[in-house]
Amino acid sequence: MLERHLSVPEVAEFLGGERYVRRLIAERRITFVKDKRRILIAESVVAEYLAARTVPALNQTRRRRAA
């Protein structure tokens, strides 16, 4: 079964801007499919990209400094 592919503006909603997504494509930092003039990116590629750049939260409680 084929996976759903997203257009550049749709991916930009997740990654923060169309210009940024187009730069990722130009620098070949993200996998994409080019169909004639359209550029499509698989949903799993977007999920992998976000997972690879996710920073885990610290489990320590922060102490407030006295002012």
C-alpha atoms as a PDB file:
ATOM      1  CA  MET A   1       0.000   0.000   0.000  1.00  0.00           C
ATOM      2  CA  LEU A   2       1.295   3.440  -0.875  1.00  0.00           C
ATOM      3  CA  GLU A   3       2.083   5.973   1.770  1.00  0.00           C
ATOM      4  CA  ARG A   4       0.568   9.469   1.775  1.00  0.00           C
ATOM      5  CA  HIS A   5       2.852  12.172   0.414  1.00  0.00           C
ATOM      6  CA  LEU A   6       2.672  15.846   1.320  1.00  0.00           C
ATOM      7  CA  SER A   7       3.372  18.935  -0.751  1.00  0.00           C
ATOM      8  CA  VAL A   8       5.963  21.503   0.302  1.00  0.00           C
ATOM      9  CA  PRO A   9       3.365  23.896   1.820  1.00  0.00           C
ATOM     10  CA  GLU A  10       1.847  21.015   3.818  1.00  0.00           C
ATOM     11  CA  VAL A  11       5.263  19.994   5.177  1.00  0.00           C
ATOM     12  CA  ALA A  12       5.992  23.639   5.979  1.00  0.00           C
ATOM     13  CA  GLU A  13       3.130  23.589   8.491  1.00  0.00           C
ATOM     14  CA  PHE A  14       5.079  21.002  10.510  1.00  0.00           C
ATOM     15  CA  LEU A  15       8.604  22.320  10.026  1.00  0.00           C
ATOM     16  CA  GLY A  16       8.074  26.041  10.326  1.00  0.00           C
ATOM     17  CA  GLY A  17       8.181  27.552   6.871  1.00  0.00           C
ATOM     18  CA  GLU A  18       8.195  26.829   3.175  1.00  0.00           C
ATOM     19  CA  ARG A  19      11.552  28.495   2.687  1.00  0.00           C
ATOM     20  CA  TYR A  20      13.128  26.178   5.269  1.00  0.00           C
ATOM     21  CA  VAL A  21      11.628  23.076   3.608  1.00  0.00           C
ATOM     22  CA  ARG A  22      12.867  24.176   0.185  1.00  0.00           C
ATOM     23  CA  ARG A  23      16.357  24.677   1.638  1.00  0.00           C
ATOM     24  CA  LEU A  24      16.291  21.154   3.096  1.00  0.00           C
ATOM     25  CA  ILE A  25      15.370  19.854  -0.360  1.00  0.00           C
ATOM     26  CA  ALA A  26      18.048  21.898  -2.154  1.00  0.00           C
ATOM     27  CA  GLU A  27      20.722  20.709   0.292  1.00  0.00           C
ATOM     28  CA  ARG A  28      19.437  17.107  -0.013  1.00  0.00           C
ATOM     29  CA  ARG A  29      18.941  16.905   3.756  1.00  0.00           C
ATOM     30  CA  ILE A  30      15.465  15.387   3.404  1.00  0.00           C
ATOM     31  CA  THR A  31      14.202  12.626   1.097  1.00  0.00           C
ATOM     32  CA  PHE A  32      11.687  13.719  -1.516  1.00  0.00           C
ATOM     33  CA  VAL A  33       9.970  12.629  -4.732  1.00  0.00           C
ATOM     34  CA  LYS A  34       9.925  14.851  -7.778  1.00  0.00           C
ATOM     35  CA  ASP A  35       6.967  14.260 -10.089  1.00  0.00           C
ATOM     36  CA  LYS A  36       7.320  16.532 -13.104  1.00  0.00           C
ATOM     37  CA  ARG A  37       7.051  19.933 -11.377  1.00  0.00           C
ATOM     38  CA  ARG A  38       5.678  18.808  -8.023  1.00  0.00           C
ATOM     39  CA  ILE A  39       7.861  17.974  -5.053  1.00  0.00           C
ATOM     40  CA  LEU A  40       6.354  15.506  -2.588  1.00  0.00           C
ATOM     41  CA  ILE A  41       7.609  14.306   0.780  1.00  0.00           C
ATOM     42  CA  ALA A  42       6.370  11.150   2.492  1.00  0.00           C
ATOM     43  CA  GLU A  43       4.736  11.529   5.906  1.00  0.00           C
ATOM     44  CA  SER A  44       7.182   8.997   7.371  1.00  0.00           C
ATOM     45  CA  VAL A  45      10.125  11.129   6.196  1.00  0.00           C
ATOM     46  CA  VAL A  46       8.713  14.150   8.041  1.00  0.00           C
ATOM     47  CA  ALA A  47       8.167  12.029  11.163  1.00  0.00           C
ATOM     48  CA  GLU A  48      11.742  10.661  10.987  1.00  0.00           C
ATOM     49  CA  TYR A  49      13.147  14.150  10.492  1.00  0.00           C
ATOM     50  CA  LEU A  50      11.286  15.455  13.542  1.00  0.00           C
ATOM     51  CA  ALA A  51      12.225  12.413  15.645  1.00  0.00           C
ATOM     52  CA  ALA A  52      15.905  12.782  14.763  1.00  0.00           C
ATOM     53  CA  ARG A  53      15.880  16.397  15.935  1.00  0.00           C
ATOM     54  CA  THR A  54      13.805  15.945  19.071  1.00  0.00           C
ATOM     55  CA  VAL A  55      15.624  16.868  22.260  1.00  0.00           C
ATOM     56  CA  PRO A  56      14.467  14.908  25.320  1.00  0.00           C
ATOM     57  CA  ALA A  57      13.278  16.827  28.361  1.00  0.00           C
ATOM     58  CA  LEU A  58      15.275  16.789  31.564  1.00  0.00           C
ATOM     59  CA  ASN A  59      13.609  14.983  34.439  1.00  0.00           C
ATOM     60  CA  GLN A  60      15.134  17.252  37.052  1.00  0.00           C
ATOM     61  CA  THR A  61      13.048  19.873  38.767  1.00  0.00           C
ATOM     62  CA  ARG A  62      14.342  23.382  38.446  1.00  0.00           C
ATOM     63  CA  ARG A  63      15.105  25.295  41.569  1.00  0.00           C
ATOM     64  CA  ARG A  64      14.047  28.910  41.685  1.00  0.00           C
ATOM     65  CA  ARG A  65      16.630  31.397  42.737  1.00  0.00           C
ATOM     66  CA  ALA A  66      15.766  33.815  45.447  1.00  0.00           C
ATOM     67  CA  ALA A  67      15.628  37.347  44.098  1.00  0.00           C
END
